[in-house]
Amino acid sequence: MSSTIARRLDRIRSTLPPSVRLIAVTKQVSVPLMREAYAAGIRDFGENRIQEADSKYEQLQDLPDITWHGIGHVQSNKAKRAVELFDWIHSCDSLKLARRLNRLAGELSRSPQVCLQVKLLPDPNKYGWSVEQLWQDLPELDRCEHLQIKGLMAIAPLGLDEGETATLFARAAQLARDIGQQPWQRLQMTELSMGMSGDYALAVGQGATMVRLGRILFGERS
């Protein structure tokens, strides 16, 4: 008999283009449930907190083909462990953090894939570059030789209606296109990490290549 997670996953996948990567957000999700998701076909797991990710990483060493995604704010004192743990860091939200990640990646002989987190609307509860600041910082970001900068990450603030949310995702997609048209040495803009359980369909409609789904896959957290 298929598991609840497997049934939910089948439903979600039926709504996603094959090109969209589904990241299972496992904040406060137990290791047994993560194993159930793995058995259902999930290979991309997203964690918000380094400490929680660290523990799960150790407990799931027998599943070598997992791709680990860091999707929460990276504190500077946790940056080293983030570089060690995560294959993807979606939440690179400042030039200061990018410099630190780049230096640590060089020291650790790692080359994480990175999304630059942008803040397209004022929101005191969210981290990220403003559009203006990002354009100023892009030339130096392009010189971060130990980071594979692949695209943008955007989160819709709470309280937006569907039209406003879709507009925000469309702005993120346009920004990625505008950046991608410049002649960078390293920096790429092929990935758009946007869309969560409540708005992923809107994000996919505007060109998301990665969606971060937790509640819709695992149910409400305790």
N, C-alpha and C. Protein backbone atom coordinates (compact mmCIF):
# COMPACT_ATOMS: atom_id res chain seq x y z
N MET A 1 0.85 -1.20 0.00
CA MET A 1 0.00 0.00 0.00
C MET A 1 0.88 1.25 0.00
N SER A 2 0.56 2.20 -0.84
CA SER A 2 1.40 3.39 -0.91
C SER A 2 1.19 4.25 0.33
N SER A 3 2.25 4.95 0.73
CA SER A 3 2.18 5.79 1.92
C SER A 3 1.42 7.08 1.63
N THR A 4 1.03 7.75 2.70
CA THR A 4 0.36 9.06 2.56
C THR A 4 1.26 10.03 1.81
N ILE A 5 2.56 10.03 2.16
CA ILE A 5 3.49 10.94 1.49
C ILE A 5 3.58 10.61 0.00
N ALA A 6 3.63 9.31 -0.33
CA ALA A 6 3.71 8.92 -1.74
C ALA A 6 2.47 9.39 -2.50
N ARG A 7 1.31 9.27 -1.88
CA ARG A 7 0.07 9.71 -2.55
C ARG A 7 0.07 11.23 -2.74
N ARG A 8 0.48 11.94 -1.70
CA ARG A 8 0.57 13.40 -1.83
C ARG A 8 1.56 13.79 -2.91
N LEU A 9 2.69 13.09 -2.94
CA LEU A 9 3.73 13.40 -3.92
C LEU A 9 3.22 13.17 -5.34
N ASP A 10 2.49 12.08 -5.54
CA ASP A 10 1.92 11.82 -6.87
C ASP A 10 1.00 12.95 -7.30
N ARG A 11 0.17 13.42 -6.35
CA ARG A 11 -0.76 14.52 -6.67
C ARG A 11 0.00 15.79 -7.05
N ILE A 12 1.03 16.09 -6.26
CA ILE A 12 1.80 17.32 -6.52
C ILE A 12 2.53 17.21 -7.86
N ARG A 13 3.18 16.08 -8.08
CA ARG A 13 3.96 15.91 -9.32
C ARG A 13 3.06 16.04 -10.55
N SER A 14 1.80 15.63 -10.42
CA SER A 14 0.89 15.73 -11.57
C SER A 14 0.61 17.18 -11.95
N THR A 15 0.92 18.11 -11.04
CA THR A 15 0.69 19.54 -11.31
C THR A 15 1.97 20.26 -11.74
N LEU A 16 3.09 19.56 -11.72
CA LEU A 16 4.38 20.21 -12.00
C LEU A 16 4.92 19.79 -13.36
N PRO A 17 5.47 20.72 -14.13
CA PRO A 17 6.21 20.33 -15.33
C PRO A 17 7.41 19.45 -14.92
N PRO A 18 7.82 18.52 -15.78
CA PRO A 18 8.95 17.65 -15.44
C PRO A 18 10.24 18.41 -15.14
N SER A 19 10.35 19.62 -15.69
CA SER A 19 11.59 20.39 -15.52
C SER A 19 11.70 21.05 -14.14
N VAL A 20 10.61 21.06 -13.37
CA VAL A 20 10.63 21.74 -12.07
C VAL A 20 11.09 20.77 -10.98
N ARG A 21 12.09 21.19 -10.24
CA ARG A 21 12.65 20.36 -9.16
C ARG A 21 11.85 20.60 -7.88
N LEU A 22 11.38 19.51 -7.29
CA LEU A 22 10.61 19.59 -6.05
C LEU A 22 11.56 19.37 -4.87
N ILE A 23 11.68 20.38 -4.03
CA ILE A 23 12.50 20.27 -2.82
C ILE A 23 11.57 20.06 -1.63
N ALA A 24 11.75 18.94 -0.94
CA ALA A 24 10.95 18.64 0.24
C ALA A 24 11.53 19.39 1.42
N VAL A 25 10.76 20.32 1.98
CA VAL A 25 11.23 21.11 3.11
C VAL A 25 10.97 20.32 4.39
N THR A 26 12.05 19.97 5.08
CA THR A 26 11.95 19.00 6.17
C THR A 26 12.22 19.62 7.54
N LYS A 27 12.02 20.93 7.66
CA LYS A 27 12.09 21.58 8.97
C LYS A 27 11.07 20.92 9.90
N GLN A 28 11.55 20.43 11.05
CA GLN A 28 10.71 19.76 12.06
C GLN A 28 10.04 18.49 11.54
N VAL A 29 10.60 17.90 10.48
CA VAL A 29 10.12 16.61 9.98
C VAL A 29 11.08 15.54 10.47
N SER A 30 10.54 14.44 10.99
CA SER A 30 11.38 13.40 11.58
C SER A 30 12.16 12.64 10.51
N VAL A 31 13.25 12.02 10.93
CA VAL A 31 14.07 11.21 10.02
C VAL A 31 13.26 10.05 9.42
N PRO A 32 12.43 9.33 10.21
CA PRO A 32 11.61 8.28 9.59
C PRO A 32 10.70 8.80 8.47
N LEU A 33 10.12 9.99 8.66
CA LEU A 33 9.28 10.57 7.59
C LEU A 33 10.13 10.95 6.38
N MET A 34 11.35 11.41 6.62
CA MET A 34 12.24 11.72 5.51
C MET A 34 12.58 10.45 4.74
N ARG A 35 12.78 9.35 5.47
CA ARG A 35 13.04 8.07 4.79
C ARG A 35 11.83 7.64 3.96
N GLU A 36 10.65 7.90 4.48
CA GLU A 36 9.42 7.59 3.73
C GLU A 36 9.36 8.41 2.45
N ALA A 37 9.72 9.69 2.56
CA ALA A 37 9.73 10.56 1.37
C ALA A 37 10.78 10.08 0.36
N TYR A 38 11.92 9.65 0.88
CA TYR A 38 12.97 9.12 0.01
C TYR A 38 12.45 7.88 -0.74
N ALA A 39 11.79 6.99 0.00
CA ALA A 39 11.24 5.78 -0.62
C ALA A 39 10.21 6.12 -1.69
N ALA A 40 9.54 7.26 -1.52
CA ALA A 40 8.54 7.70 -2.51
C ALA A 40 9.17 8.40 -3.71
N GLY A 41 10.49 8.60 -3.65
CA GLY A 41 11.19 9.17 -4.81
C GLY A 41 11.82 10.53 -4.60
N ILE A 42 11.65 11.12 -3.42
CA ILE A 42 12.26 12.43 -3.15
C ILE A 42 13.77 12.27 -2.99
N ARG A 43 14.53 13.14 -3.66
CA ARG A 43 15.98 13.14 -3.49
C ARG A 43 16.51 14.52 -3.06
N ASP A 44 15.66 15.53 -3.12
CA ASP A 44 16.06 16.89 -2.74
C ASP A 44 15.38 17.26 -1.42
N PHE A 45 16.20 17.52 -0.41
CA PHE A 45 15.68 17.88 0.91
C PHE A 45 16.19 19.27 1.29
N GLY A 46 15.27 20.11 1.79
CA GLY A 46 15.61 21.48 2.17
C GLY A 46 15.49 21.69 3.66
N GLU A 47 16.53 22.26 4.25
CA GLU A 47 16.54 22.52 5.69
C GLU A 47 16.74 24.01 5.97
N ASN A 48 16.04 24.51 6.98
CA ASN A 48 16.16 25.92 7.38
C ASN A 48 17.27 26.16 8.38
N ARG A 49 17.51 25.19 9.25
CA ARG A 49 18.44 25.40 10.36
C ARG A 49 19.62 24.44 10.26
N ILE A 50 20.81 24.99 10.43
CA ILE A 50 22.04 24.20 10.31
C ILE A 50 22.06 23.06 11.33
N GLN A 51 21.71 23.36 12.57
CA GLN A 51 21.80 22.35 13.63
C GLN A 51 20.91 21.14 13.32
N GLU A 52 19.70 21.41 12.86
CA GLU A 52 18.78 20.33 12.52
C GLU A 52 19.28 19.57 11.29
N ALA A 53 19.78 20.30 10.30
CA ALA A 53 20.31 19.66 9.10
C ALA A 53 21.49 18.76 9.44
N ASP A 54 22.35 19.23 10.33
CA ASP A 54 23.54 18.49 10.73
C ASP A 54 23.17 17.12 11.28
N SER A 55 22.20 17.10 12.19
CA SER A 55 21.76 15.86 12.81
C SER A 55 21.18 14.89 11.78
N LYS A 56 20.34 15.41 10.89
CA LYS A 56 19.71 14.55 9.88
C LYS A 56 20.72 14.05 8.86
N TYR A 57 21.65 14.91 8.50
CA TYR A 57 22.71 14.53 7.56
C TYR A 57 23.45 13.30 8.08
N GLU A 58 23.79 13.32 9.37
CA GLU A 58 24.52 12.20 9.97
C GLU A 58 23.66 10.93 9.98
N GLN A 59 22.36 11.08 10.23
CA GLN A 59 21.48 9.91 10.35
C GLN A 59 21.09 9.32 8.99
N LEU A 60 21.33 10.06 7.92
CA LEU A 60 20.92 9.60 6.60
C LEU A 60 22.11 9.34 5.68
N GLN A 61 23.24 9.05 6.29
CA GLN A 61 24.46 8.79 5.52
C GLN A 61 24.34 7.56 4.62
N ASP A 62 23.41 6.67 4.94
CA ASP A 62 23.23 5.46 4.12
C ASP A 62 22.47 5.75 2.83
N LEU A 63 22.00 6.98 2.65
CA LEU A 63 21.28 7.38 1.43
C LEU A 63 22.15 8.38 0.67
N PRO A 64 23.11 7.89 -0.11
CA PRO A 64 24.17 8.78 -0.63
C PRO A 64 23.73 9.71 -1.75
N ASP A 65 22.57 9.46 -2.36
CA ASP A 65 22.20 10.30 -3.51
C ASP A 65 21.24 11.43 -3.14
N ILE A 66 21.17 11.77 -1.85
CA ILE A 66 20.39 12.94 -1.44
C ILE A 66 21.13 14.22 -1.83
N THR A 67 20.37 15.19 -2.33
CA THR A 67 20.89 16.54 -2.53
C THR A 67 20.34 17.41 -1.40
N TRP A 68 21.25 18.05 -0.66
CA TRP A 68 20.87 18.86 0.49
C TRP A 68 20.82 20.34 0.10
N HIS A 69 19.70 20.98 0.43
CA HIS A 69 19.48 22.39 0.10
C HIS A 69 19.35 23.20 1.38
N GLY A 70 20.17 24.23 1.53
CA GLY A 70 20.02 25.17 2.63
C GLY A 70 19.10 26.29 2.20
N ILE A 71 17.96 26.42 2.90
CA ILE A 71 16.96 27.39 2.45
C ILE A 71 16.66 28.45 3.51
N GLY A 72 17.33 28.38 4.67
CA GLY A 72 17.11 29.37 5.71
C GLY A 72 18.27 30.35 5.80
N HIS A 73 18.04 31.44 6.52
CA HIS A 73 19.09 32.45 6.70
C HIS A 73 20.34 31.82 7.29
N VAL A 74 21.50 32.11 6.71
CA VAL A 74 22.77 31.56 7.18
C VAL A 74 23.46 32.60 8.07
N GLN A 75 23.55 32.31 9.36
CA GLN A 75 24.29 33.19 10.26
C GLN A 75 25.78 33.02 9.98
N SER A 76 26.54 34.09 10.15
CA SER A 76 27.96 34.05 9.78
C SER A 76 28.72 32.98 10.56
N ASN A 77 28.33 32.72 11.81
CA ASN A 77 29.05 31.70 12.59
C ASN A 77 28.65 30.28 12.19
N LYS A 78 27.63 30.14 11.32
CA LYS A 78 27.22 28.81 10.83
C LYS A 78 27.60 28.62 9.36
N ALA A 79 28.28 29.61 8.78
CA ALA A 79 28.55 29.56 7.34
C ALA A 79 29.45 28.39 6.97
N LYS A 80 30.43 28.10 7.81
CA LYS A 80 31.37 27.00 7.50
C LYS A 80 30.62 25.67 7.40
N ARG A 81 29.76 25.42 8.39
CA ARG A 81 29.01 24.16 8.36
C ARG A 81 28.03 24.13 7.19
N ALA A 82 27.48 25.28 6.84
CA ALA A 82 26.58 25.34 5.67
C ALA A 82 27.31 24.91 4.41
N VAL A 83 28.54 25.38 4.24
CA VAL A 83 29.32 25.01 3.06
C VAL A 83 29.65 23.52 3.08
N GLU A 84 29.92 22.98 4.27
CA GLU A 84 30.23 21.55 4.38
C GLU A 84 29.01 20.68 4.09
N LEU A 85 27.84 21.11 4.54
CA LEU A 85 26.63 20.28 4.47
C LEU A 85 25.89 20.36 3.15
N PHE A 86 25.72 21.58 2.65
CA PHE A 86 24.72 21.80 1.60
C PHE A 86 25.33 21.77 0.21
N ASP A 87 24.64 21.07 -0.70
CA ASP A 87 24.99 21.10 -2.12
C ASP A 87 24.49 22.39 -2.76
N TRP A 88 23.36 22.87 -2.25
CA TRP A 88 22.75 24.13 -2.72
C TRP A 88 22.54 25.04 -1.52
N ILE A 89 22.83 26.32 -1.68
CA ILE A 89 22.48 27.33 -0.69
C ILE A 89 21.59 28.35 -1.40
N HIS A 90 20.30 28.32 -1.08
CA HIS A 90 19.33 29.18 -1.76
C HIS A 90 19.29 30.58 -1.16
N SER A 91 19.80 30.71 0.06
CA SER A 91 19.55 31.91 0.86
C SER A 91 20.79 32.76 1.05
N CYS A 92 21.59 32.88 -0.02
CA CYS A 92 22.71 33.83 0.02
C CYS A 92 22.10 35.22 -0.15
N ASP A 93 22.09 36.01 0.94
CA ASP A 93 21.25 37.21 0.96
C ASP A 93 22.01 38.53 1.08
N SER A 94 23.36 38.46 1.01
CA SER A 94 24.14 39.71 1.10
C SER A 94 25.53 39.47 0.52
N LEU A 95 26.18 40.55 0.13
CA LEU A 95 27.55 40.45 -0.37
C LEU A 95 28.48 39.96 0.73
N LYS A 96 28.26 40.42 1.96
CA LYS A 96 29.08 39.98 3.09
C LYS A 96 29.02 38.46 3.24
N LEU A 97 27.83 37.88 3.16
CA LEU A 97 27.69 36.43 3.27
C LEU A 97 28.33 35.74 2.07
N ALA A 98 28.13 36.28 0.87
CA ALA A 98 28.72 35.67 -0.33
C ALA A 98 30.24 35.62 -0.23
N ARG A 99 30.83 36.70 0.25
CA ARG A 99 32.29 36.72 0.42
C ARG A 99 32.73 35.62 1.40
N ARG A 100 31.99 35.50 2.49
CA ARG A 100 32.35 34.50 3.50
C ARG A 100 32.20 33.08 2.95
N LEU A 101 31.09 32.81 2.29
CA LEU A 101 30.86 31.49 1.70
C LEU A 101 31.93 31.17 0.66
N ASN A 102 32.30 32.16 -0.14
CA ASN A 102 33.31 31.94 -1.18
C ASN A 102 34.66 31.60 -0.56
N ARG A 103 35.03 32.35 0.47
CA ARG A 103 36.32 32.08 1.15
C ARG A 103 36.32 30.68 1.78
N LEU A 104 35.25 30.35 2.48
CA LEU A 104 35.17 29.04 3.14
C LEU A 104 35.13 27.91 2.13
N ALA A 105 34.40 28.10 1.03
CA ALA A 105 34.34 27.07 0.00
C ALA A 105 35.73 26.79 -0.57
N GLY A 106 36.51 27.86 -0.77
CA GLY A 106 37.89 27.68 -1.24
C GLY A 106 38.72 26.90 -0.24
N GLU A 107 38.60 27.25 1.04
CA GLU A 107 39.38 26.57 2.09
C GLU A 107 38.98 25.10 2.22
N LEU A 108 37.70 24.80 1.98
CA LEU A 108 37.18 23.44 2.17
C LEU A 108 37.17 22.64 0.87
N SER A 109 37.66 23.22 -0.20
CA SER A 109 37.62 22.58 -1.53
C SER A 109 36.19 22.15 -1.90
N ARG A 110 35.26 23.03 -1.61
CA ARG A 110 33.86 22.81 -1.96
C ARG A 110 33.44 23.84 -3.01
N SER A 111 32.35 23.56 -3.70
CA SER A 111 31.86 24.50 -4.71
C SER A 111 30.34 24.47 -4.73
N PRO A 112 29.70 24.98 -3.67
CA PRO A 112 28.24 24.88 -3.58
C PRO A 112 27.54 25.67 -4.68
N GLN A 113 26.39 25.16 -5.09
CA GLN A 113 25.53 25.89 -6.01
C GLN A 113 24.70 26.87 -5.18
N VAL A 114 24.53 28.07 -5.70
CA VAL A 114 23.99 29.17 -4.90
C VAL A 114 22.89 29.91 -5.66
N CYS A 115 21.85 30.27 -4.92
CA CYS A 115 20.87 31.25 -5.40
C CYS A 115 21.00 32.52 -4.58
N LEU A 116 20.83 33.64 -5.22
CA LEU A 116 20.89 34.94 -4.56
C LEU A 116 19.48 35.32 -4.13
N GLN A 117 19.29 35.54 -2.83
CA GLN A 117 17.95 35.85 -2.32
C GLN A 117 17.64 37.32 -2.51
N VAL A 118 16.55 37.59 -3.22
CA VAL A 118 16.15 38.97 -3.49
C VAL A 118 14.88 39.31 -2.72
N LYS A 119 14.79 40.57 -2.32
CA LYS A 119 13.62 41.07 -1.60
C LYS A 119 12.99 42.14 -2.49
N LEU A 120 11.92 41.76 -3.17
CA LEU A 120 11.32 42.64 -4.18
C LEU A 120 10.30 43.61 -3.59
N LEU A 121 9.85 43.34 -2.37
CA LEU A 121 8.96 44.25 -1.65
C LEU A 121 9.52 44.47 -0.26
N PRO A 122 9.34 45.65 0.32
CA PRO A 122 9.83 45.87 1.68
C PRO A 122 9.18 44.88 2.65
N ASP A 123 9.99 44.20 3.44
CA ASP A 123 9.46 43.23 4.40
C ASP A 123 10.49 43.08 5.52
N PRO A 124 10.20 43.61 6.71
CA PRO A 124 11.18 43.56 7.80
C PRO A 124 11.48 42.14 8.28
N ASN A 125 10.62 41.18 7.90
CA ASN A 125 10.82 39.80 8.35
C ASN A 125 11.61 38.96 7.35
N LYS A 126 12.03 39.55 6.24
CA LYS A 126 12.74 38.78 5.22
C LYS A 126 14.13 39.37 4.97
N TYR A 127 15.07 38.48 4.69
CA TYR A 127 16.40 38.88 4.27
C TYR A 127 16.44 38.97 2.75
N GLY A 128 17.49 39.57 2.22
CA GLY A 128 17.66 39.56 0.78
C GLY A 128 18.13 40.90 0.23
N TRP A 129 18.63 40.83 -1.00
CA TRP A 129 19.07 42.04 -1.70
C TRP A 129 17.87 42.84 -2.20
N SER A 130 17.96 44.15 -2.14
CA SER A 130 17.08 44.97 -2.97
C SER A 130 17.60 44.87 -4.40
N VAL A 131 16.75 45.18 -5.35
CA VAL A 131 17.15 45.09 -6.76
C VAL A 131 18.33 46.02 -7.03
N GLU A 132 18.26 47.24 -6.50
CA GLU A 132 19.32 48.22 -6.76
C GLU A 132 20.66 47.74 -6.19
N GLN A 133 20.63 47.24 -4.97
CA GLN A 133 21.88 46.80 -4.33
C GLN A 133 22.45 45.57 -5.04
N LEU A 134 21.56 44.68 -5.49
CA LEU A 134 22.04 43.49 -6.19
C LEU A 134 22.80 43.88 -7.46
N TRP A 135 22.25 44.81 -8.24
CA TRP A 135 22.95 45.23 -9.46
C TRP A 135 24.33 45.80 -9.13
N GLN A 136 24.42 46.53 -8.03
CA GLN A 136 25.72 47.08 -7.63
C GLN A 136 26.72 45.98 -7.26
N ASP A 137 26.22 44.91 -6.66
CA ASP A 137 27.10 43.87 -6.13
C ASP A 137 27.42 42.77 -7.14
N LEU A 138 26.67 42.70 -8.23
CA LEU A 138 26.85 41.59 -9.18
C LEU A 138 28.28 41.47 -9.73
N PRO A 139 28.96 42.58 -10.06
CA PRO A 139 30.33 42.40 -10.58
C PRO A 139 31.24 41.66 -9.60
N GLU A 140 31.14 41.97 -8.31
CA GLU A 140 31.96 41.23 -7.34
C GLU A 140 31.46 39.80 -7.16
N LEU A 141 30.16 39.60 -7.18
CA LEU A 141 29.62 38.24 -7.07
C LEU A 141 30.11 37.37 -8.22
N ASP A 142 30.25 37.97 -9.39
CA ASP A 142 30.74 37.23 -10.56
C ASP A 142 32.18 36.76 -10.37
N ARG A 143 32.89 37.39 -9.45
CA ARG A 143 34.28 37.00 -9.19
C ARG A 143 34.40 35.98 -8.06
N CYS A 144 33.29 35.51 -7.51
CA CYS A 144 33.34 34.49 -6.44
C CYS A 144 33.61 33.13 -7.07
N GLU A 145 34.90 32.81 -7.19
CA GLU A 145 35.29 31.66 -8.01
C GLU A 145 34.95 30.32 -7.38
N HIS A 146 34.65 30.28 -6.09
CA HIS A 146 34.34 29.01 -5.44
C HIS A 146 32.85 28.77 -5.26
N LEU A 147 32.03 29.71 -5.73
CA LEU A 147 30.58 29.55 -5.68
C LEU A 147 30.05 29.39 -7.10
N GLN A 148 29.13 28.45 -7.28
CA GLN A 148 28.43 28.32 -8.55
C GLN A 148 27.09 29.07 -8.44
N ILE A 149 27.11 30.34 -8.75
CA ILE A 149 25.89 31.14 -8.63
C ILE A 149 25.00 30.83 -9.82
N LYS A 150 23.81 30.30 -9.53
CA LYS A 150 22.96 29.73 -10.58
C LYS A 150 21.66 30.48 -10.82
N GLY A 151 21.26 31.38 -9.89
CA GLY A 151 19.98 32.04 -10.10
C GLY A 151 19.54 32.81 -8.88
N LEU A 152 18.23 33.02 -8.79
CA LEU A 152 17.64 33.83 -7.72
C LEU A 152 16.70 32.99 -6.87
N MET A 153 16.54 33.44 -5.63
CA MET A 153 15.51 32.90 -4.74
C MET A 153 14.62 34.05 -4.29
N ALA A 154 13.31 33.83 -4.35
CA ALA A 154 12.36 34.87 -3.93
C ALA A 154 11.27 34.24 -3.07
N ILE A 155 10.86 34.98 -2.04
CA ILE A 155 9.77 34.55 -1.15
C ILE A 155 8.71 35.65 -1.16
N ALA A 156 7.47 35.26 -1.40
CA ALA A 156 6.37 36.24 -1.37
C ALA A 156 6.04 36.58 0.08
N PRO A 157 5.97 37.87 0.42
CA PRO A 157 5.57 38.24 1.79
C PRO A 157 4.16 37.75 2.10
N LEU A 158 3.88 37.54 3.38
CA LEU A 158 2.54 37.18 3.81
C LEU A 158 1.57 38.32 3.50
N GLY A 159 0.33 37.96 3.23
CA GLY A 159 -0.70 38.98 3.07
C GLY A 159 -0.97 39.42 1.65
N LEU A 160 -0.21 38.90 0.68
CA LEU A 160 -0.48 39.26 -0.72
C LEU A 160 -1.62 38.41 -1.26
N ASP A 161 -2.42 38.99 -2.16
CA ASP A 161 -3.42 38.15 -2.84
C ASP A 161 -2.74 37.44 -4.02
N GLU A 162 -3.52 36.60 -4.69
CA GLU A 162 -2.93 35.78 -5.76
C GLU A 162 -2.33 36.63 -6.87
N GLY A 163 -3.02 37.69 -7.24
CA GLY A 163 -2.51 38.56 -8.31
C GLY A 163 -1.21 39.23 -7.92
N GLU A 164 -1.14 39.72 -6.69
CA GLU A 164 0.08 40.37 -6.21
C GLU A 164 1.23 39.38 -6.11
N THR A 165 0.91 38.16 -5.68
CA THR A 165 1.95 37.13 -5.57
C THR A 165 2.49 36.76 -6.94
N ALA A 166 1.59 36.56 -7.90
CA ALA A 166 2.02 36.24 -9.27
C ALA A 166 2.87 37.36 -9.85
N THR A 167 2.49 38.61 -9.58
CA THR A 167 3.26 39.75 -10.07
C THR A 167 4.66 39.76 -9.48
N LEU A 168 4.76 39.46 -8.18
CA LEU A 168 6.07 39.41 -7.55
C LEU A 168 6.95 38.33 -8.18
N PHE A 169 6.38 37.15 -8.41
CA PHE A 169 7.16 36.08 -9.04
C PHE A 169 7.55 36.46 -10.47
N ALA A 170 6.66 37.14 -11.18
CA ALA A 170 6.99 37.59 -12.54
C ALA A 170 8.14 38.59 -12.52
N ARG A 171 8.16 39.46 -11.52
CA ARG A 171 9.27 40.42 -11.39
C ARG A 171 10.58 39.70 -11.13
N ALA A 172 10.54 38.67 -10.30
CA ALA A 172 11.77 37.90 -10.03
C ALA A 172 12.27 37.23 -11.31
N ALA A 173 11.35 36.67 -12.08
CA ALA A 173 11.73 36.01 -13.33
C ALA A 173 12.32 37.02 -14.32
N GLN A 174 11.72 38.20 -14.41
CA GLN A 174 12.24 39.23 -15.31
C GLN A 174 13.62 39.70 -14.86
N LEU A 175 13.80 39.85 -13.55
CA LEU A 175 15.10 40.25 -13.03
C LEU A 175 16.16 39.21 -13.39
N ALA A 176 15.83 37.94 -13.24
CA ALA A 176 16.78 36.88 -13.60
C ALA A 176 17.13 36.95 -15.09
N ARG A 177 16.13 37.21 -15.93
CA ARG A 177 16.41 37.33 -17.38
C ARG A 177 17.31 38.53 -17.65
N ASP A 178 17.01 39.65 -17.01
CA ASP A 178 17.82 40.85 -17.23
C ASP A 178 19.27 40.63 -16.80
N ILE A 179 19.45 40.00 -15.65
CA ILE A 179 20.81 39.71 -15.17
C ILE A 179 21.50 38.73 -16.11
N GLY A 180 20.75 37.71 -16.53
CA GLY A 180 21.33 36.66 -17.37
C GLY A 180 21.79 37.15 -18.73
N GLN A 181 21.28 38.29 -19.17
CA GLN A 181 21.66 38.82 -20.49
C GLN A 181 22.99 39.57 -20.47
N GLN A 182 23.54 39.78 -19.27
CA GLN A 182 24.82 40.48 -19.17
C GLN A 182 25.98 39.49 -19.40
N PRO A 183 27.13 39.99 -19.86
CA PRO A 183 28.25 39.09 -20.20
C PRO A 183 29.10 38.73 -18.98
N TRP A 184 28.57 37.89 -18.10
CA TRP A 184 29.31 37.50 -16.90
C TRP A 184 30.34 36.43 -17.22
N GLN A 185 31.36 36.36 -16.39
CA GLN A 185 32.38 35.32 -16.52
C GLN A 185 31.88 33.99 -15.95
N ARG A 186 31.32 34.03 -14.75
CA ARG A 186 30.92 32.80 -14.05
C ARG A 186 29.43 32.73 -13.76
N LEU A 187 28.89 33.85 -13.35
CA LEU A 187 27.53 33.93 -12.84
C LEU A 187 26.51 33.48 -13.88
N GLN A 188 25.59 32.63 -13.46
CA GLN A 188 24.51 32.16 -14.34
C GLN A 188 23.16 32.52 -13.73
N MET A 189 22.14 32.57 -14.56
CA MET A 189 20.79 32.86 -14.07
C MET A 189 19.80 31.87 -14.69
N THR A 190 20.08 30.59 -14.48
CA THR A 190 19.24 29.55 -15.06
C THR A 190 18.21 29.00 -14.08
N GLU A 191 18.35 29.33 -12.78
CA GLU A 191 17.46 28.76 -11.77
C GLU A 191 16.64 29.85 -11.08
N LEU A 192 15.39 29.52 -10.80
CA LEU A 192 14.50 30.40 -10.02
C LEU A 192 13.89 29.56 -8.91
N SER A 193 14.36 29.79 -7.70
CA SER A 193 13.84 29.08 -6.53
C SER A 193 12.74 29.94 -5.93
N MET A 194 11.50 29.56 -6.20
CA MET A 194 10.38 30.34 -5.66
C MET A 194 9.12 29.48 -5.67
N GLY A 195 8.29 29.72 -4.67
CA GLY A 195 7.05 28.96 -4.53
C GLY A 195 7.13 27.98 -3.38
N MET A 196 6.14 28.07 -2.48
CA MET A 196 6.03 27.16 -1.35
C MET A 196 4.64 26.52 -1.38
N SER A 197 4.28 25.83 -0.31
CA SER A 197 3.04 25.03 -0.34
C SER A 197 1.82 25.84 -0.77
N GLY A 198 1.73 27.09 -0.32
CA GLY A 198 0.53 27.88 -0.59
C GLY A 198 0.52 28.61 -1.92
N ASP A 199 1.68 28.71 -2.58
CA ASP A 199 1.72 29.54 -3.79
C ASP A 199 2.59 28.94 -4.91
N TYR A 200 2.92 27.66 -4.79
CA TYR A 200 3.87 27.11 -5.77
C TYR A 200 3.31 27.09 -7.18
N ALA A 201 1.99 26.91 -7.33
CA ALA A 201 1.41 26.89 -8.68
C ALA A 201 1.59 28.25 -9.36
N LEU A 202 1.44 29.33 -8.58
CA LEU A 202 1.65 30.67 -9.13
C LEU A 202 3.11 30.85 -9.53
N ALA A 203 4.02 30.33 -8.71
CA ALA A 203 5.45 30.46 -9.00
C ALA A 203 5.82 29.69 -10.28
N VAL A 204 5.30 28.48 -10.40
CA VAL A 204 5.57 27.67 -11.60
C VAL A 204 5.03 28.38 -12.84
N GLY A 205 3.88 29.01 -12.70
CA GLY A 205 3.29 29.75 -13.81
C GLY A 205 4.16 30.90 -14.28
N GLN A 206 5.03 31.40 -13.40
CA GLN A 206 5.92 32.51 -13.75
C GLN A 206 7.36 32.05 -14.01
N GLY A 207 7.58 30.73 -14.06
CA GLY A 207 8.89 30.25 -14.48
C GLY A 207 9.78 29.67 -13.41
N ALA A 208 9.23 29.37 -12.22
CA ALA A 208 10.06 28.74 -11.19
C ALA A 208 10.65 27.43 -11.71
N THR A 209 11.91 27.20 -11.37
CA THR A 209 12.55 25.92 -11.71
C THR A 209 12.71 25.03 -10.49
N MET A 210 12.57 25.61 -9.29
CA MET A 210 12.63 24.84 -8.04
C MET A 210 11.53 25.36 -7.12
N VAL A 211 10.76 24.44 -6.54
CA VAL A 211 9.74 24.83 -5.55
C VAL A 211 10.07 24.14 -4.24
N ARG A 212 9.76 24.82 -3.13
CA ARG A 212 10.14 24.36 -1.79
C ARG A 212 8.86 24.01 -1.03
N LEU A 213 8.57 22.72 -0.91
CA LEU A 213 7.28 22.28 -0.39
C LEU A 213 7.44 21.49 0.90
N GLY A 214 6.73 21.93 1.93
CA GLY A 214 6.77 21.24 3.22
C GLY A 214 5.39 20.76 3.65
N ARG A 215 4.55 21.70 4.06
CA ARG A 215 3.23 21.36 4.63
C ARG A 215 2.38 20.52 3.68
N ILE A 216 2.38 20.85 2.39
CA ILE A 216 1.53 20.14 1.44
C ILE A 216 1.99 18.69 1.25
N LEU A 217 3.24 18.42 1.60
CA LEU A 217 3.80 17.07 1.46
C LEU A 217 3.75 16.29 2.77
N PHE A 218 4.09 16.95 3.87
CA PHE A 218 4.21 16.26 5.16
C PHE A 218 3.05 16.54 6.12
N GLY A 219 2.16 17.47 5.76
CA GLY A 219 1.09 17.85 6.67
C GLY A 219 1.56 18.93 7.63
N GLU A 220 0.66 19.37 8.50
CA GLU A 220 1.00 20.41 9.47
C GLU A 220 2.05 19.89 10.45
N ARG A 221 3.03 20.76 10.77
CA ARG A 221 4.05 20.39 11.76
C ARG A 221 3.44 20.47 13.15
N SER A 222 3.96 19.63 14.03
CA SER A 222 3.46 19.66 15.42
C SER A 222 4.04 20.86 16.15
